Amino acid sequence: MTDRLPILSAQLGFALMAERTGRRIAVPMLFRMPLSLPSAVDLDLVLQSITLRNPALCCRIRFDRGGAYQERHSAEFDFAELQAENEVAAKRRAVEAIDEFEASLDGAPMSARLIRSLDGDYLLLVFDHALIDEQSLLQIRRQLGAPSFPDDRQWERFEAAVHDRAAFEAAAAAGPGIAFWADRLKSISGEVPTGTHETPKVVPVIDLPGVTIPSAFRGSCFPYVLLSIHRALRDVSEFGPTLIGYPWGGRNATFSDVVGCFMNTVISLDMTGSRSLPGAMADFLDGWYAEIDHADVPFASVAALGSAFSGSVDGLLTYTHALESSVNIAGTQVVEISPGFAHSQPISTFIATAMVCDDELRLELIMDEETAGYGAQELGSRWRHRLSEALSGLPAWQS
């Protein structure tokens, strides 16, 4: 085993963002618990188990002579018990803890706060986005209810997973997908986003009214959600072609149980302009399917092609499915709740989130209005309208 491992493309992007802004990107998980259960001692043992079982939580990202790598570090985590007067105060303490985590570049890769209040207790877990992907968070949820000690093979498997992913990314960066992206980006005409060098501001998360999924719909709503945010963006700005980034999985199934950051950021380019929705939807889907066929090319390689696109996007879209709300932690059934009350820092002009909950899409928006030049409520209402418009036309397009 070695103490120094390659850094993967998704990790590199978040690490460079942290180095530039002086703030990490946090991924929080929040649980509401019965009063005084479980004990802080029991929770401490569970959290120790999670850090020891997952080498990704025992690594730090370092830079040396212009290169980046991840380095084995001590199996540490930051755990504290806090007091709050009521539920409102407890959530305020959680917001403060997330902000503290993001402001500490050399802090532990996982932070935990047990917040006691007269209205109920809360457990906040915060992870470094440079280390955690969605599949990894699913693994951690399972581990909370089944703590165990690590075996000798966990570091070995983590190393193998990292090297496997690094080899996969290197092959994709040298493959035919590069030619596809070079050709696709040549078609951009007009201004493209240039990003901002300002330190990201901490802004509130905006909850939008949900959008009903038609009962006749079959398949994934994702491309319709994606097109709708493109069209909403053009509604509130003077952008021509729009660029949206979104995380895309595809890790090697052999390492499905390994916690880490095995994903890529894919860009979506929309040039349908102001055409009517049915025709625009057909053309957009053709382009999107082609992009997905080449989604393995690392984002950094696409950004380095020398085209008008240099790595900045208009916004980011995350698309998730609601999970079972009940989670077992240290033998106690707790309820996972959305940390949407929290403030966050957008790592682009905005972050749009859509969550599938039964027959509804729930929408959230995080945006720095000063950088954008338009309002969050304005973009949010247009996004919801455009998404409702797209879904209402689905039966005709699918027939």
Protein backbone atom coordinates (compact mmCIF):
# COMPACT_ATOMS: atom_id res chain seq x y z
CA MET A 1 0.00 0.00 0.00
CA THR A 2 1.03 3.59 -0.59
CA ASP A 3 0.22 6.78 1.29
CA ARG A 4 -0.08 8.84 -1.92
CA LEU A 5 -2.78 8.15 -4.54
CA PRO A 6 -3.89 9.83 -7.79
CA ILE A 7 -6.53 12.52 -7.60
CA LEU A 8 -9.62 11.94 -9.75
CA SER A 9 -11.15 14.52 -12.09
CA ALA A 10 -14.19 15.37 -9.93
CA GLN A 11 -11.99 15.74 -6.86
CA LEU A 12 -9.61 18.01 -8.74
CA GLY A 13 -12.36 20.42 -9.72
CA PHE A 14 -13.62 20.78 -6.16
CA ALA A 15 -10.09 21.01 -4.78
CA LEU A 16 -9.18 23.82 -7.19
CA MET A 17 -12.38 25.63 -6.27
CA ALA A 18 -11.50 25.34 -2.58
CA GLU A 19 -7.94 26.56 -3.17
CA ARG A 20 -9.19 29.58 -5.15
CA THR A 21 -12.00 30.63 -2.81
CA GLY A 22 -10.59 29.48 0.52
CA ARG A 23 -13.77 27.46 1.21
CA ARG A 24 -14.64 23.79 0.85
CA ILE A 25 -17.90 22.55 -0.66
CA ALA A 26 -19.95 20.75 2.00
CA VAL A 27 -22.37 17.84 1.57
CA PRO A 28 -24.65 17.75 4.66
CA MET A 29 -26.94 15.01 5.99
CA LEU A 30 -29.39 15.84 8.78
CA PHE A 31 -31.33 13.45 11.03
CA ARG A 32 -34.09 14.14 13.56
CA MET A 33 -33.86 11.82 16.58
CA PRO A 34 -35.93 10.95 19.65
CA LEU A 35 -35.05 13.07 22.68
CA SER A 36 -31.81 11.92 24.35
CA LEU A 37 -31.43 8.87 22.09
CA PRO A 38 -28.94 7.64 21.12
CA SER A 39 -26.23 8.73 23.54
CA ALA A 40 -23.21 10.76 22.48
CA VAL A 41 -20.98 7.80 23.41
CA ASP A 42 -22.90 5.43 21.11
CA LEU A 43 -22.82 7.95 18.28
CA ASP A 44 -19.10 8.47 18.71
CA LEU A 45 -18.52 4.72 18.26
CA VAL A 46 -20.67 4.64 15.11
CA LEU A 47 -18.83 7.61 13.59
CA GLN A 48 -15.45 6.09 14.45
CA SER A 49 -16.54 2.97 12.60
CA ILE A 50 -17.50 4.98 9.52
CA THR A 51 -14.16 6.80 9.32
CA LEU A 52 -12.12 3.65 9.90
CA ARG A 53 -14.09 1.61 7.34
CA ASN A 54 -13.81 4.24 4.60
CA PRO A 55 -10.29 5.27 3.58
CA ALA A 56 -11.73 8.19 1.56
CA LEU A 57 -12.52 9.80 4.93
CA CYS A 58 -8.89 9.37 5.97
CA CYS A 59 -7.38 11.22 2.99
CA ARG A 60 -6.46 14.83 2.31
CA ILE A 61 -6.02 16.46 -1.09
CA ARG A 62 -2.61 18.09 -1.52
CA PHE A 63 -0.84 20.14 -4.19
CA ASP A 64 2.85 19.76 -5.01
CA ARG A 65 4.77 21.51 -7.85
CA GLY A 66 1.60 22.17 -9.79
CA GLY A 67 0.26 18.64 -9.37
CA ALA A 68 -2.50 17.33 -7.12
CA TYR A 69 -2.83 14.05 -5.25
CA GLN A 70 -4.66 12.55 -2.30
CA GLU A 71 -2.66 11.51 0.71
CA ARG A 72 -3.39 9.06 3.49
CA HIS A 73 -4.06 10.93 6.72
CA SER A 74 -5.08 10.03 10.24
CA ALA A 75 -8.54 8.51 10.75
CA GLU A 76 -10.00 11.58 12.40
CA PHE A 77 -13.38 13.25 12.45
CA ASP A 78 -14.74 16.32 14.18
CA PHE A 79 -17.55 15.53 16.65
CA ALA A 80 -19.15 17.84 19.20
CA GLU A 81 -22.36 17.97 21.24
CA LEU A 82 -24.22 21.28 21.19
CA GLN A 83 -27.20 22.71 23.06
CA ALA A 84 -30.06 24.73 21.58
CA GLU A 85 -33.21 26.22 23.07
CA ASN A 86 -35.65 24.99 20.45
CA GLU A 87 -35.96 23.63 16.91
CA VAL A 88 -35.28 27.01 15.28
CA ALA A 89 -32.13 27.48 17.35
CA ALA A 90 -31.04 23.90 16.60
CA LYS A 91 -31.27 24.49 12.87
CA ARG A 92 -29.36 27.74 13.28
CA ARG A 93 -26.57 25.82 15.04
CA ALA A 94 -26.53 23.38 12.11
CA VAL A 95 -26.14 26.26 9.64
CA GLU A 96 -23.23 27.58 11.69
CA ALA A 97 -21.60 24.14 11.74
CA ILE A 98 -21.84 23.81 7.94
CA ASP A 99 -20.32 27.26 7.50
CA GLU A 100 -17.48 26.40 9.90
CA PHE A 101 -16.78 23.21 7.96
CA GLU A 102 -16.60 25.02 4.62
CA ALA A 103 -14.31 27.68 6.04
CA SER A 104 -11.79 25.11 7.35
CA LEU A 105 -9.64 23.92 4.44
CA ASP A 106 -7.49 21.74 6.68
CA GLY A 107 -10.37 20.38 8.74
CA ALA A 108 -11.34 16.73 8.99
CA PRO A 109 -13.11 15.22 5.93
CA MET A 110 -16.16 14.51 8.10
CA SER A 111 -17.75 16.72 10.75
CA ALA A 112 -20.58 15.68 13.08
CA ARG A 113 -22.73 17.70 15.47
CA LEU A 114 -25.20 16.25 17.97
CA ILE A 115 -27.58 19.13 18.67
CA ARG A 116 -29.80 18.75 21.74
CA SER A 117 -32.92 20.87 22.14
CA LEU A 118 -36.18 20.78 24.11
CA ASP A 119 -38.11 20.23 20.85
CA GLY A 120 -35.99 17.33 19.64
CA ASP A 121 -32.43 16.23 18.94
CA TYR A 122 -30.60 16.40 15.63
CA LEU A 123 -27.52 14.74 14.18
CA LEU A 124 -25.73 16.69 11.46
CA LEU A 125 -23.09 14.98 9.32
CA VAL A 126 -21.05 17.09 6.90
CA PHE A 127 -18.70 15.64 4.27
CA ASP A 128 -16.20 17.18 1.91
CA HIS A 129 -17.68 17.15 -1.61
CA ALA A 130 -14.25 16.38 -3.00
CA LEU A 131 -14.45 12.96 -1.32
CA ILE A 132 -18.09 11.91 -1.55
CA ASP A 133 -20.45 10.98 -4.41
CA GLU A 134 -24.12 9.90 -4.27
CA GLN A 135 -23.36 6.16 -4.24
CA SER A 136 -20.98 6.75 -1.35
CA LEU A 137 -23.69 8.53 0.66
CA LEU A 138 -25.96 5.50 0.19
CA GLN A 139 -23.20 3.33 1.62
CA ILE A 140 -22.76 5.62 4.62
CA ARG A 141 -26.52 5.55 5.36
CA ARG A 142 -26.33 1.76 5.50
CA GLN A 143 -23.21 1.83 7.68
CA LEU A 144 -24.88 4.09 10.25
CA GLY A 145 -27.13 1.17 11.19
CA ALA A 146 -24.48 -1.53 11.04
CA PRO A 147 -21.19 -0.31 12.53
CA SER A 148 -18.23 -2.68 12.34
CA PHE A 149 -14.47 -2.57 12.48
CA PRO A 150 -12.41 -2.41 9.28
CA ASP A 151 -10.56 -5.37 7.90
CA ASP A 152 -7.13 -5.44 6.29
CA ARG A 153 -8.50 -5.29 2.74
CA GLN A 154 -10.33 -1.96 2.91
CA TRP A 155 -7.32 0.22 2.17
CA GLU A 156 -6.28 -2.26 -0.54
CA ARG A 157 -9.73 -2.08 -2.17
CA PHE A 158 -9.79 1.70 -1.96
CA GLU A 159 -6.40 1.94 -3.68
CA ALA A 160 -7.57 -0.47 -6.37
CA ALA A 161 -10.76 1.55 -6.90
CA VAL A 162 -8.85 4.82 -7.24
CA HIS A 163 -6.32 3.39 -9.69
CA ASP A 164 -9.11 1.73 -11.67
CA ARG A 165 -10.99 5.03 -11.97
CA ALA A 166 -7.82 6.96 -12.82
CA ALA A 167 -7.05 4.50 -15.63
CA PHE A 168 -10.65 4.76 -16.88
CA GLU A 169 -10.46 8.56 -16.98
CA ALA A 170 -7.09 8.50 -18.75
CA ALA A 171 -8.47 6.16 -21.43
CA ALA A 172 -11.58 8.33 -21.90
CA ALA A 173 -9.44 11.48 -22.19
CA ALA A 174 -7.45 9.87 -25.02
CA GLY A 175 -10.42 8.24 -26.74
CA PRO A 176 -12.80 9.24 -29.54
CA GLY A 177 -15.00 11.23 -27.17
CA ILE A 178 -12.53 14.12 -27.26
CA ALA A 179 -13.18 14.61 -30.99
CA PHE A 180 -16.93 14.64 -30.32
CA TRP A 181 -16.66 17.38 -27.69
CA ALA A 182 -14.24 19.43 -29.80
CA ASP A 183 -16.71 19.35 -32.68
CA ARG A 184 -19.72 20.05 -30.48
CA LEU A 185 -18.14 23.04 -28.77
CA LYS A 186 -17.16 24.54 -32.13
CA SER A 187 -20.87 25.05 -32.78
CA ILE A 188 -21.13 27.60 -29.97
CA SER A 189 -21.75 31.10 -31.23
CA GLY A 190 -22.16 34.13 -29.02
CA GLU A 191 -20.98 34.68 -25.47
CA VAL A 192 -20.22 31.83 -23.11
CA PRO A 193 -20.01 32.06 -19.31
CA THR A 194 -16.63 33.19 -18.04
CA GLY A 195 -17.13 32.55 -14.33
CA THR A 196 -16.26 34.83 -11.47
CA HIS A 197 -13.12 35.15 -9.40
CA GLU A 198 -15.00 36.49 -6.41
CA THR A 199 -15.31 34.42 -3.26
CA PRO A 200 -18.70 32.65 -3.43
CA LYS A 201 -21.33 34.16 -1.18
CA VAL A 202 -23.35 32.12 1.28
CA VAL A 203 -26.98 32.36 0.14
CA PRO A 204 -30.30 30.80 1.21
CA VAL A 205 -31.82 27.76 -0.43
CA ILE A 206 -35.14 28.60 -2.12
CA ASP A 207 -37.88 25.94 -2.11
CA LEU A 208 -40.16 26.10 -5.16
CA PRO A 209 -43.65 24.60 -5.56
CA GLY A 210 -43.51 21.03 -6.86
CA VAL A 211 -44.42 19.93 -10.38
CA THR A 212 -46.67 16.90 -10.87
CA ILE A 213 -45.39 14.07 -13.08
CA PRO A 214 -48.15 12.88 -15.46
CA SER A 215 -49.49 9.43 -14.56
CA ALA A 216 -48.94 8.23 -18.15
CA PHE A 217 -45.25 9.13 -18.09
CA ARG A 218 -42.69 6.33 -18.39
CA GLY A 219 -38.92 6.69 -18.19
CA SER A 220 -36.73 9.40 -16.70
CA CYS A 221 -37.80 13.01 -16.30
CA PHE A 222 -34.16 14.12 -16.28
CA PRO A 223 -33.84 15.42 -19.89
CA TYR A 224 -37.07 17.40 -19.48
CA VAL A 225 -35.82 18.91 -16.22
CA LEU A 226 -32.55 19.75 -17.98
CA LEU A 227 -34.16 21.42 -21.00
CA SER A 228 -36.54 23.38 -18.77
CA ILE A 229 -33.68 24.99 -16.81
CA HIS A 230 -31.98 25.89 -20.10
CA ARG A 231 -35.14 27.59 -21.38
CA ALA A 232 -35.82 29.31 -18.05
CA LEU A 233 -32.29 30.71 -18.08
CA ARG A 234 -32.86 32.25 -21.51
CA ASP A 235 -36.18 33.67 -20.29
CA VAL A 236 -34.45 35.75 -17.60
CA SER A 237 -31.20 36.64 -19.38
CA GLU A 238 -29.86 37.49 -22.80
CA PHE A 239 -27.76 34.35 -23.14
CA GLY A 240 -27.60 32.64 -26.53
CA PRO A 241 -26.50 29.02 -26.24
CA THR A 242 -26.62 27.93 -22.61
CA LEU A 243 -24.28 25.55 -20.78
CA ILE A 244 -25.43 23.54 -17.76
CA GLY A 245 -23.21 21.11 -15.87
CA TYR A 246 -24.44 18.08 -13.95
CA PRO A 247 -22.86 15.15 -12.09
CA TRP A 248 -22.81 11.82 -13.87
CA GLY A 249 -21.99 8.46 -12.28
CA GLY A 250 -20.83 5.27 -13.92
CA ARG A 251 -18.36 3.82 -11.45
CA ASN A 252 -17.01 0.31 -11.92
CA ALA A 253 -19.55 -2.09 -10.37
CA THR A 254 -16.65 -4.09 -8.92
CA PHE A 255 -16.12 -1.24 -6.44
CA SER A 256 -19.77 -0.36 -5.76
CA ASP A 257 -19.16 -0.73 -2.01
CA VAL A 258 -16.18 1.67 -1.88
CA VAL A 259 -16.79 5.18 -0.55
CA GLY A 260 -15.08 7.88 -2.60
CA CYS A 261 -15.64 10.34 -5.44
CA PHE A 262 -16.08 8.26 -8.60
CA MET A 263 -18.04 10.56 -10.90
CA ASN A 264 -17.71 13.13 -13.64
CA THR A 265 -19.29 16.48 -14.51
CA VAL A 266 -20.97 16.49 -17.91
CA ILE A 267 -21.97 19.64 -19.76
CA SER A 268 -25.26 20.10 -21.59
CA LEU A 269 -25.25 22.51 -24.52
CA ASP A 270 -28.61 23.85 -25.70
CA MET A 271 -28.86 25.78 -28.96
CA THR A 272 -32.60 25.41 -29.56
CA GLY A 273 -33.18 29.11 -28.91
CA SER A 274 -36.77 30.37 -28.90
CA ARG A 275 -38.27 27.66 -31.11
CA SER A 276 -41.58 26.12 -30.08
CA LEU A 277 -41.27 23.44 -27.44
CA PRO A 278 -42.12 20.21 -29.35
CA GLY A 279 -39.55 20.85 -32.09
CA ALA A 280 -36.99 22.17 -29.62
CA MET A 281 -37.48 19.11 -27.40
CA ALA A 282 -36.79 16.71 -30.26
CA ASP A 283 -33.59 18.51 -31.29
CA PHE A 284 -32.46 18.86 -27.68
CA LEU A 285 -32.94 15.15 -27.01
CA ASP A 286 -30.90 14.23 -30.09
CA GLY A 287 -28.04 16.38 -28.82
CA TRP A 288 -28.36 15.16 -25.25
CA TYR A 289 -28.26 11.47 -26.24
CA ALA A 290 -25.05 12.17 -28.18
CA GLU A 291 -23.56 13.96 -25.16
CA ILE A 292 -24.41 11.03 -22.89
CA ASP A 293 -22.72 8.63 -25.32
CA HIS A 294 -19.52 10.59 -24.59
CA ALA A 295 -20.14 11.42 -20.92
CA ASP A 296 -17.04 9.53 -19.78
CA VAL A 297 -14.61 12.17 -21.05
CA PRO A 298 -13.31 13.98 -17.94
CA PHE A 299 -14.62 17.50 -17.49
CA ALA A 300 -11.08 18.87 -17.20
CA SER A 301 -10.20 17.40 -20.62
CA VAL A 302 -13.27 19.01 -22.22
CA ALA A 303 -12.42 22.37 -20.63
CA ALA A 304 -8.86 22.15 -21.97
CA LEU A 305 -9.83 21.75 -25.63
CA GLY A 306 -9.08 25.37 -26.43
CA SER A 307 -12.61 26.22 -27.56
CA ALA A 308 -14.73 29.14 -26.40
CA PHE A 309 -15.71 26.96 -23.44
CA SER A 310 -13.04 27.08 -20.75
CA GLY A 311 -14.74 25.29 -17.89
CA SER A 312 -17.31 27.82 -16.66
CA VAL A 313 -21.00 26.93 -16.89
CA ASP A 314 -24.14 29.00 -16.46
CA GLY A 315 -25.30 26.74 -13.64
CA LEU A 316 -25.30 23.23 -12.18
CA LEU A 317 -28.20 20.77 -12.02
CA THR A 318 -28.50 17.93 -9.52
CA TYR A 319 -31.20 15.28 -9.95
CA THR A 320 -31.99 12.80 -7.19
CA HIS A 321 -34.67 10.38 -6.02
CA ALA A 322 -36.21 10.60 -2.55
CA LEU A 323 -34.97 7.97 -0.14
CA GLU A 324 -36.67 6.19 2.71
CA SER A 325 -36.79 8.78 5.46
CA SER A 326 -36.23 6.33 8.32
CA VAL A 327 -32.60 5.45 9.05
CA ASN A 328 -31.15 3.27 11.80
CA ILE A 329 -28.35 4.92 13.80
CA ALA A 330 -26.81 3.09 16.75
CA GLY A 331 -29.95 0.97 17.15
CA THR A 332 -32.34 3.94 17.07
CA GLN A 333 -34.74 4.70 14.22
CA VAL A 334 -34.27 8.33 13.16
CA VAL A 335 -35.76 10.40 10.33
CA GLU A 336 -33.58 11.97 7.67
CA ILE A 337 -34.78 15.44 6.77
CA SER A 338 -33.72 17.85 4.09
CA PRO A 339 -31.05 20.33 5.16
CA GLY A 340 -32.69 22.76 2.75
CA PHE A 341 -33.11 25.32 5.55
CA ALA A 342 -29.35 25.71 5.48
CA HIS A 343 -27.44 28.32 3.59
CA SER A 344 -24.95 27.21 1.00
CA GLN A 345 -22.45 28.67 -1.44
CA PRO A 346 -23.17 28.19 -5.14
CA ILE A 347 -20.08 26.95 -6.99
CA SER A 348 -21.47 28.48 -10.18
CA THR A 349 -24.00 31.26 -10.73
CA PHE A 350 -26.73 28.90 -9.52
CA ILE A 351 -27.37 25.32 -8.45
CA ALA A 352 -30.77 23.86 -9.38
CA THR A 353 -31.95 20.68 -7.63
CA ALA A 354 -34.81 18.42 -8.68
CA MET A 355 -35.89 15.50 -6.49
CA VAL A 356 -38.33 12.81 -7.62
CA CYS A 357 -40.83 12.16 -4.81
CA ASP A 358 -43.50 9.66 -5.91
CA ASP A 359 -45.51 11.52 -8.58
CA GLU A 360 -43.94 14.93 -8.00
CA LEU A 361 -40.72 16.77 -8.79
CA ARG A 362 -39.59 18.95 -5.88
CA LEU A 363 -37.41 21.88 -6.87
CA GLU A 364 -34.78 23.93 -5.05
CA LEU A 365 -32.55 26.77 -6.18
CA ILE A 366 -29.37 28.27 -4.74
CA MET A 367 -28.20 31.43 -6.46
CA ASP A 368 -26.02 34.48 -6.01
CA GLU A 369 -28.29 37.20 -7.42
CA GLU A 370 -25.56 39.86 -7.53
CA THR A 371 -23.38 37.72 -9.80
CA ALA A 372 -26.31 36.54 -11.92
CA GLY A 373 -27.90 39.91 -12.60
CA TYR A 374 -31.39 38.41 -12.27
CA GLY A 375 -33.50 37.24 -9.35
CA ALA A 376 -33.67 33.75 -7.84
CA GLN A 377 -37.45 33.90 -7.58
CA GLU A 378 -37.64 35.03 -11.20
CA LEU A 379 -35.49 32.14 -12.44
CA GLY A 380 -37.29 29.70 -10.13
CA SER A 381 -40.78 30.63 -11.34
CA ARG A 382 -39.69 30.42 -14.98
CA TRP A 383 -38.05 27.03 -14.37
CA ARG A 384 -41.20 25.66 -12.78
CA HIS A 385 -43.32 27.05 -15.63
CA ARG A 386 -41.04 25.61 -18.32
CA LEU A 387 -40.94 22.22 -16.59
CA SER A 388 -44.74 22.09 -16.25
CA GLU A 389 -44.99 23.02 -19.92
CA ALA A 390 -42.58 20.26 -20.95
CA LEU A 391 -44.24 17.53 -18.85
CA SER A 392 -47.75 18.50 -19.92
CA GLY A 393 -46.77 17.83 -23.54
CA LEU A 394 -45.17 14.44 -22.90
CA PRO A 395 -47.97 12.12 -24.08
CA ALA A 396 -48.06 13.77 -27.51
CA TRP A 397 -44.26 13.59 -27.92
CA GLN A 398 -44.04 9.99 -26.74
CA SER A 399 -46.79 8.64 -29.00
